[in-house]
N, C-alpha and C. Protein backbone atom coordinates (compact mmCIF):
# COMPACT_ATOMS: atom_id res chain seq x y z
N MET A 1 93.56 166.88 125.35
CA MET A 1 93.55 165.52 125.86
C MET A 1 92.23 165.26 126.58
N GLY A 2 91.60 164.14 126.28
CA GLY A 2 90.38 163.75 126.98
C GLY A 2 90.73 163.10 128.30
N GLU A 3 89.71 162.74 129.03
CA GLU A 3 89.94 162.09 130.31
C GLU A 3 90.41 160.65 130.10
N VAL A 4 91.34 160.23 130.93
CA VAL A 4 91.90 158.89 130.90
C VAL A 4 91.51 158.21 132.20
N HIS A 5 91.05 156.96 132.11
CA HIS A 5 90.65 156.25 133.32
C HIS A 5 90.75 154.74 133.09
N ASP A 6 91.40 154.05 134.02
CA ASP A 6 91.47 152.59 133.98
C ASP A 6 91.93 152.09 135.34
N ARG A 7 91.77 150.79 135.57
CA ARG A 7 92.22 150.21 136.83
C ARG A 7 92.63 148.77 136.62
N ILE A 8 93.48 148.31 137.53
CA ILE A 8 93.86 146.90 137.57
C ILE A 8 93.73 146.43 139.01
N VAL A 9 93.61 145.12 139.16
CA VAL A 9 93.58 144.51 140.49
C VAL A 9 94.62 143.40 140.47
N ILE A 10 95.50 143.43 141.47
CA ILE A 10 96.53 142.39 141.59
C ILE A 10 96.42 141.73 142.96
N THR A 11 97.04 140.56 143.10
CA THR A 11 97.15 139.96 144.42
C THR A 11 98.41 140.52 145.06
N ASN A 12 98.50 140.41 146.37
CA ASN A 12 99.60 141.02 147.12
C ASN A 12 100.88 140.18 147.02
N ASP A 13 101.48 140.22 145.85
CA ASP A 13 102.71 139.48 145.59
C ASP A 13 103.64 140.39 144.79
N THR A 14 104.90 140.45 145.20
CA THR A 14 105.85 141.35 144.53
C THR A 14 106.06 141.00 143.06
N LYS A 15 105.71 139.79 142.65
CA LYS A 15 105.88 139.44 141.23
C LYS A 15 104.98 140.30 140.33
N PHE A 16 103.99 140.99 140.90
CA PHE A 16 103.09 141.83 140.11
C PHE A 16 103.52 143.30 140.07
N LEU A 17 104.62 143.64 140.74
CA LEU A 17 105.07 145.04 140.73
C LEU A 17 105.40 145.53 139.32
N GLY A 18 106.01 144.69 138.51
CA GLY A 18 106.32 145.06 137.13
C GLY A 18 105.06 145.36 136.33
N PHE A 19 104.03 144.57 136.56
CA PHE A 19 102.75 144.78 135.90
C PHE A 19 102.15 146.13 136.29
N VAL A 20 102.26 146.47 137.58
CA VAL A 20 101.75 147.77 138.06
C VAL A 20 102.55 148.91 137.42
N ARG A 21 103.87 148.76 137.34
CA ARG A 21 104.70 149.79 136.71
C ARG A 21 104.31 149.99 135.24
N GLU A 22 104.12 148.88 134.52
CA GLU A 22 103.74 148.96 133.10
C GLU A 22 102.38 149.63 132.93
N PHE A 23 101.43 149.25 133.77
CA PHE A 23 100.09 149.83 133.72
C PHE A 23 100.16 151.34 133.98
N THR A 24 100.88 151.73 135.02
CA THR A 24 101.00 153.15 135.38
C THR A 24 101.67 153.93 134.25
N SER A 25 102.72 153.37 133.67
CA SER A 25 103.42 154.01 132.57
C SER A 25 102.49 154.21 131.37
N ARG A 26 101.73 153.18 131.04
CA ARG A 26 100.80 153.26 129.92
C ARG A 26 99.76 154.36 130.14
N MET A 27 99.27 154.45 131.37
CA MET A 27 98.27 155.47 131.69
C MET A 27 98.86 156.88 131.63
N ILE A 28 100.08 157.03 132.15
CA ILE A 28 100.73 158.35 132.13
C ILE A 28 100.97 158.80 130.69
N ARG A 29 101.35 157.88 129.83
CA ARG A 29 101.65 158.24 128.44
C ARG A 29 100.41 158.70 127.67
N GLN A 30 99.24 158.40 128.21
CA GLN A 30 98.00 158.89 127.60
C GLN A 30 97.66 160.30 128.10
N SER A 31 98.43 160.78 129.07
CA SER A 31 98.23 162.13 129.60
C SER A 31 99.28 163.05 128.98
N SER A 32 99.30 164.29 129.43
CA SER A 32 100.29 165.24 128.89
C SER A 32 101.46 165.46 129.85
N LEU A 33 101.69 164.51 130.75
CA LEU A 33 102.83 164.61 131.67
C LEU A 33 104.14 164.34 130.95
N SER A 34 105.21 164.89 131.47
CA SER A 34 106.54 164.71 130.88
C SER A 34 107.09 163.32 131.21
N ARG A 35 108.13 162.94 130.49
CA ARG A 35 108.82 161.67 130.74
C ARG A 35 109.41 161.68 132.15
N GLU A 36 109.93 162.83 132.59
CA GLU A 36 110.48 162.95 133.95
C GLU A 36 109.40 162.70 134.99
N ASP A 37 108.23 163.32 134.81
CA ASP A 37 107.11 163.08 135.73
C ASP A 37 106.68 161.62 135.69
N GLU A 38 106.68 161.04 134.50
CA GLU A 38 106.32 159.62 134.37
C GLU A 38 107.21 158.75 135.25
N ASN A 39 108.50 158.95 135.16
CA ASN A 39 109.44 158.14 135.96
C ASN A 39 109.23 158.36 137.45
N LYS A 40 108.98 159.59 137.85
CA LYS A 40 108.77 159.89 139.27
C LYS A 40 107.48 159.25 139.78
N ILE A 41 106.40 159.37 139.01
CA ILE A 41 105.13 158.80 139.44
C ILE A 41 105.22 157.29 139.53
N ILE A 42 105.88 156.66 138.57
CA ILE A 42 106.05 155.21 138.61
C ILE A 42 106.79 154.81 139.88
N LEU A 43 107.82 155.57 140.27
CA LEU A 43 108.55 155.29 141.50
C LEU A 43 107.63 155.40 142.71
N ALA A 44 106.83 156.46 142.78
CA ALA A 44 105.92 156.66 143.91
C ALA A 44 104.89 155.54 144.01
N VAL A 45 104.31 155.15 142.88
CA VAL A 45 103.32 154.07 142.87
C VAL A 45 103.97 152.75 143.25
N ASP A 46 105.15 152.49 142.72
CA ASP A 46 105.88 151.26 143.04
C ASP A 46 106.16 151.18 144.54
N GLU A 47 106.59 152.28 145.13
CA GLU A 47 106.85 152.31 146.58
C GLU A 47 105.57 152.04 147.36
N ALA A 48 104.48 152.67 146.94
CA ALA A 48 103.21 152.49 147.65
C ALA A 48 102.75 151.04 147.60
N VAL A 49 102.75 150.45 146.42
CA VAL A 49 102.27 149.07 146.27
C VAL A 49 103.22 148.10 146.97
N ALA A 50 104.52 148.32 146.88
CA ALA A 50 105.48 147.45 147.58
C ALA A 50 105.27 147.52 149.09
N ASN A 51 105.00 148.72 149.62
CA ASN A 51 104.72 148.86 151.06
C ASN A 51 103.46 148.11 151.46
N ILE A 52 102.43 148.18 150.62
CA ILE A 52 101.19 147.46 150.92
C ILE A 52 101.45 145.96 150.94
N ILE A 53 102.17 145.47 149.94
CA ILE A 53 102.47 144.03 149.88
C ILE A 53 103.24 143.60 151.12
N GLU A 54 104.22 144.40 151.51
CA GLU A 54 105.08 144.02 152.64
C GLU A 54 104.41 144.19 154.00
N HIS A 55 103.62 145.25 154.17
CA HIS A 55 103.14 145.58 155.51
C HIS A 55 101.65 145.38 155.76
N ALA A 56 100.81 145.53 154.75
CA ALA A 56 99.37 145.52 154.99
C ALA A 56 98.80 144.12 155.23
N TYR A 57 99.42 143.14 154.63
CA TYR A 57 98.89 141.78 154.74
C TYR A 57 99.79 140.94 155.64
N GLU A 58 99.47 141.00 156.92
CA GLU A 58 100.24 140.31 157.95
C GLU A 58 100.26 138.80 157.69
N ASN A 59 101.40 138.20 157.97
CA ASN A 59 101.57 136.74 157.86
C ASN A 59 101.24 136.22 156.47
N GLN A 60 101.57 137.00 155.45
CA GLN A 60 101.38 136.59 154.06
C GLN A 60 99.94 136.27 153.70
N ARG A 61 98.99 136.81 154.45
CA ARG A 61 97.57 136.62 154.13
C ARG A 61 97.33 137.13 152.71
N GLU A 62 96.64 136.32 151.91
CA GLU A 62 96.38 136.74 150.54
C GLU A 62 95.32 137.83 150.49
N GLY A 63 95.57 138.79 149.67
CA GLY A 63 94.62 139.89 149.49
C GLY A 63 94.81 140.51 148.13
N THR A 64 93.99 141.49 147.83
CA THR A 64 94.10 142.16 146.55
C THR A 64 94.44 143.63 146.74
N ILE A 65 95.02 144.19 145.70
CA ILE A 65 95.36 145.60 145.66
C ILE A 65 94.79 146.16 144.36
N ASP A 66 94.00 147.19 144.50
CA ASP A 66 93.34 147.83 143.36
C ASP A 66 94.10 149.11 143.04
N VAL A 67 94.56 149.25 141.81
CA VAL A 67 95.30 150.44 141.38
C VAL A 67 94.49 151.10 140.26
N GLU A 68 94.06 152.32 140.52
CA GLU A 68 93.23 153.05 139.56
C GLU A 68 93.93 154.34 139.16
N CYS A 69 94.00 154.61 137.87
CA CYS A 69 94.61 155.84 137.36
C CYS A 69 93.56 156.65 136.62
N GLN A 70 93.56 157.95 136.90
CA GLN A 70 92.67 158.89 136.22
C GLN A 70 93.47 160.12 135.86
N ALA A 71 93.21 160.65 134.68
CA ALA A 71 93.89 161.88 134.28
C ALA A 71 92.93 162.75 133.48
N ASP A 72 93.10 164.04 133.66
CA ASP A 72 92.41 165.02 132.83
C ASP A 72 93.43 166.10 132.50
N ALA A 73 93.00 167.22 132.01
CA ALA A 73 93.94 168.28 131.61
C ALA A 73 94.69 168.89 132.78
N GLN A 74 94.16 168.77 134.00
CA GLN A 74 94.78 169.40 135.17
C GLN A 74 95.65 168.48 136.02
N LYS A 75 95.29 167.21 136.10
CA LYS A 75 96.00 166.35 137.06
C LYS A 75 95.96 164.88 136.67
N PHE A 76 96.91 164.15 137.27
CA PHE A 76 96.98 162.69 137.14
C PHE A 76 96.81 162.15 138.55
N VAL A 77 95.84 161.26 138.74
CA VAL A 77 95.52 160.75 140.07
C VAL A 77 95.63 159.23 140.08
N VAL A 78 96.36 158.71 141.06
CA VAL A 78 96.45 157.27 141.26
C VAL A 78 95.79 156.97 142.61
N THR A 79 94.80 156.10 142.60
CA THR A 79 94.12 155.68 143.83
C THR A 79 94.43 154.21 144.04
N ILE A 80 94.98 153.90 145.20
CA ILE A 80 95.38 152.53 145.52
C ILE A 80 94.57 152.08 146.73
N ARG A 81 93.87 150.95 146.58
CA ARG A 81 93.03 150.44 147.66
C ARG A 81 93.45 149.02 148.01
N ASP A 82 93.38 148.73 149.30
CA ASP A 82 93.63 147.36 149.77
C ASP A 82 92.80 147.13 151.02
N SER A 83 92.64 145.87 151.38
CA SER A 83 91.87 145.53 152.58
C SER A 83 92.77 144.99 153.68
N GLY A 84 94.04 145.37 153.64
CA GLY A 84 95.00 144.94 154.65
C GLY A 84 94.88 145.75 155.93
N GLN A 85 95.90 145.62 156.77
CA GLN A 85 95.91 146.33 158.05
C GLN A 85 95.97 147.84 157.84
N GLN A 86 95.36 148.55 158.77
CA GLN A 86 95.38 150.01 158.73
C GLN A 86 96.80 150.52 158.94
N PHE A 87 97.12 151.60 158.24
CA PHE A 87 98.42 152.24 158.39
C PHE A 87 98.22 153.74 158.29
N ALA A 88 98.83 154.48 159.18
CA ALA A 88 98.67 155.93 159.19
C ALA A 88 99.96 156.61 158.76
N PRO A 89 100.13 156.90 157.46
CA PRO A 89 101.37 157.52 156.99
C PRO A 89 101.60 158.93 157.51
N GLU A 90 100.52 159.60 157.94
CA GLU A 90 100.70 160.96 158.45
C GLU A 90 101.55 160.98 159.72
N GLY A 91 101.67 159.85 160.40
CA GLY A 91 102.50 159.76 161.60
C GLY A 91 103.96 159.49 161.32
N VAL A 92 104.30 159.26 160.05
CA VAL A 92 105.68 158.96 159.68
C VAL A 92 106.42 160.26 159.40
N GLU A 93 107.47 160.50 160.16
CA GLU A 93 108.26 161.72 159.99
C GLU A 93 109.27 161.56 158.86
N ALA A 94 109.70 162.68 158.30
CA ALA A 94 110.72 162.66 157.25
C ALA A 94 112.01 162.08 157.82
N PRO A 95 112.66 161.18 157.10
CA PRO A 95 113.89 160.57 157.60
C PRO A 95 115.08 161.52 157.50
N ASN A 96 116.09 161.22 158.29
CA ASN A 96 117.37 161.91 158.18
C ASN A 96 118.11 161.21 157.04
N ILE A 97 118.10 161.81 155.87
CA ILE A 97 118.65 161.17 154.67
C ILE A 97 120.14 160.85 154.84
N GLU A 98 120.89 161.79 155.38
CA GLU A 98 122.33 161.56 155.57
C GLU A 98 122.56 160.36 156.48
N GLY A 99 121.84 160.30 157.58
CA GLY A 99 121.96 159.17 158.50
C GLY A 99 121.51 157.87 157.87
N HIS A 100 120.49 157.95 157.06
CA HIS A 100 119.96 156.78 156.37
C HIS A 100 121.02 156.19 155.43
N VAL A 101 121.68 157.08 154.68
CA VAL A 101 122.71 156.66 153.74
C VAL A 101 123.92 156.11 154.49
N LYS A 102 124.35 156.81 155.54
CA LYS A 102 125.51 156.35 156.32
C LYS A 102 125.26 154.98 156.93
N ALA A 103 124.04 154.72 157.36
CA ALA A 103 123.69 153.44 157.96
C ALA A 103 123.45 152.36 156.90
N LYS A 104 123.52 152.74 155.63
CA LYS A 104 123.33 151.83 154.49
C LYS A 104 121.99 151.11 154.56
N LYS A 105 120.97 151.84 155.01
CA LYS A 105 119.63 151.27 155.07
C LYS A 105 119.08 151.14 153.65
N LYS A 106 118.40 150.04 153.40
CA LYS A 106 117.83 149.80 152.08
C LYS A 106 116.33 150.06 152.04
N LYS A 107 115.74 150.29 153.19
CA LYS A 107 114.29 150.51 153.27
C LYS A 107 114.00 151.73 154.12
N GLY A 108 112.73 152.14 154.09
CA GLY A 108 112.32 153.22 154.98
C GLY A 108 112.16 154.58 154.34
N LEU A 109 112.28 154.65 153.01
CA LEU A 109 112.15 155.95 152.34
C LEU A 109 110.88 156.07 151.49
N GLY A 110 110.07 155.04 151.46
CA GLY A 110 108.90 155.01 150.58
C GLY A 110 107.95 156.17 150.76
N ILE A 111 107.51 156.42 151.97
CA ILE A 111 106.55 157.50 152.22
C ILE A 111 107.21 158.85 151.95
N TYR A 112 108.46 158.99 152.36
CA TYR A 112 109.21 160.22 152.09
C TYR A 112 109.26 160.49 150.58
N LEU A 113 109.58 159.46 149.79
CA LEU A 113 109.65 159.63 148.34
C LEU A 113 108.29 159.98 147.74
N MET A 114 107.24 159.33 148.22
CA MET A 114 105.89 159.64 147.71
C MET A 114 105.56 161.11 147.95
N ARG A 115 105.85 161.58 149.16
CA ARG A 115 105.56 162.98 149.50
C ARG A 115 106.42 163.95 148.69
N LEU A 116 107.65 163.56 148.43
CA LEU A 116 108.58 164.40 147.67
C LEU A 116 108.16 164.50 146.20
N ILE A 117 107.73 163.39 145.64
CA ILE A 117 107.42 163.30 144.21
C ILE A 117 106.04 163.85 143.87
N MET A 118 105.06 163.49 144.67
CA MET A 118 103.67 163.82 144.33
C MET A 118 103.27 165.17 144.93
N ASP A 119 102.30 165.82 144.31
CA ASP A 119 101.80 167.10 144.81
C ASP A 119 100.86 166.91 146.00
N GLU A 120 100.17 165.79 146.02
CA GLU A 120 99.29 165.45 147.15
C GLU A 120 99.41 163.97 147.44
N VAL A 121 99.40 163.64 148.74
CA VAL A 121 99.36 162.25 149.20
C VAL A 121 98.30 162.21 150.29
N ARG A 122 97.20 161.51 150.02
CA ARG A 122 96.10 161.43 151.00
C ARG A 122 95.81 159.98 151.32
N TYR A 123 95.57 159.72 152.61
CA TYR A 123 95.28 158.36 153.06
C TYR A 123 93.97 158.36 153.83
N THR A 124 93.15 157.35 153.56
CA THR A 124 91.88 157.18 154.27
C THR A 124 91.75 155.71 154.65
N PHE A 125 91.19 155.48 155.84
CA PHE A 125 90.90 154.10 156.26
C PHE A 125 89.43 154.02 156.62
N ARG A 126 88.77 153.02 156.08
CA ARG A 126 87.37 152.77 156.43
C ARG A 126 87.32 151.46 157.19
N GLU A 127 86.95 151.54 158.45
CA GLU A 127 86.93 150.38 159.35
C GLU A 127 86.24 149.19 158.70
N GLY A 128 86.95 148.07 158.68
CA GLY A 128 86.39 146.83 158.16
C GLY A 128 86.26 146.77 156.65
N ILE A 129 86.67 147.83 155.97
CA ILE A 129 86.50 147.84 154.51
C ILE A 129 87.85 147.90 153.80
N GLN A 130 88.54 149.04 153.92
CA GLN A 130 89.77 149.16 153.15
C GLN A 130 90.60 150.39 153.50
N ASN A 131 91.84 150.32 153.05
CA ASN A 131 92.76 151.46 153.05
C ASN A 131 92.66 152.08 151.66
N GLU A 132 92.78 153.40 151.61
CA GLU A 132 92.79 154.08 150.31
C GLU A 132 93.88 155.14 150.33
N LEU A 133 94.79 155.04 149.39
CA LEU A 133 95.88 156.00 149.24
C LEU A 133 95.69 156.70 147.90
N VAL A 134 95.65 158.02 147.93
CA VAL A 134 95.46 158.81 146.72
C VAL A 134 96.72 159.64 146.48
N LEU A 135 97.31 159.46 145.31
CA LEU A 135 98.51 160.19 144.91
C LEU A 135 98.14 161.10 143.74
N VAL A 136 98.42 162.39 143.88
CA VAL A 136 98.03 163.36 142.85
C VAL A 136 99.27 164.10 142.34
N LYS A 137 99.36 164.20 141.01
CA LYS A 137 100.39 165.00 140.36
C LYS A 137 99.68 165.98 139.43
N TYR A 138 99.87 167.27 139.67
CA TYR A 138 99.24 168.28 138.83
C TYR A 138 100.05 168.47 137.55
N ILE A 139 99.37 168.58 136.45
CA ILE A 139 100.01 168.77 135.16
C ILE A 139 100.35 170.26 135.04
N GLY A 140 101.64 170.54 134.86
CA GLY A 140 102.08 171.93 134.80
C GLY A 140 102.33 172.54 136.17
N GLY A 141 102.35 171.73 137.21
CA GLY A 141 102.61 172.22 138.57
C GLY A 141 101.35 172.39 139.38
N LYS A 142 101.52 172.38 140.69
CA LYS A 142 100.39 172.50 141.61
C LYS A 142 99.75 173.88 141.47
N PRO A 143 98.41 173.93 141.37
CA PRO A 143 97.75 175.24 141.24
C PRO A 143 97.92 176.07 142.50
N LYS A 144 97.99 177.36 142.30
CA LYS A 144 98.12 178.29 143.43
C LYS A 144 96.79 178.41 144.14
N THR A 145 96.84 178.48 145.47
CA THR A 145 95.63 178.67 146.27
C THR A 145 95.31 180.15 146.31
N PRO A 146 94.08 180.54 145.97
CA PRO A 146 93.74 181.97 146.00
C PRO A 146 93.81 182.52 147.42
N GLN A 147 94.29 183.75 147.53
CA GLN A 147 94.39 184.41 148.84
C GLN A 147 93.03 184.99 149.21
N ALA A 148 92.65 184.83 150.47
CA ALA A 148 91.35 185.34 150.93
C ALA A 148 91.45 186.78 151.34
């Protein structure tokens, strides 16, 4: 498989979530990932973009979200950029799933799901420029780190 690379830009409106899912699916199918991984990655990307739409653009301020997919023989990478408010996902703790279900909460699992599904979740904020979320799924599993 050769390298796969493409990107789309949407406005921050939930009506474009289906378009993002279709784009991500098309890109994954050009890689050697399984159908199961495809479904999981689409869920993670959907959660990420939905969170950006809901939280990054305060007071419905119009903005854009850039979704870029890259794949090679080792990994599939989704980079999502927006110019909304800064958000630090590293400060979000894993939820109590049992309590979440008992309370019948419908939201609040997005970051947890991204971390569960993807092999890497990295967030960067550049003051006055943008948020960048990088989601990585290794093809064939996460590589082992060599022991020193």
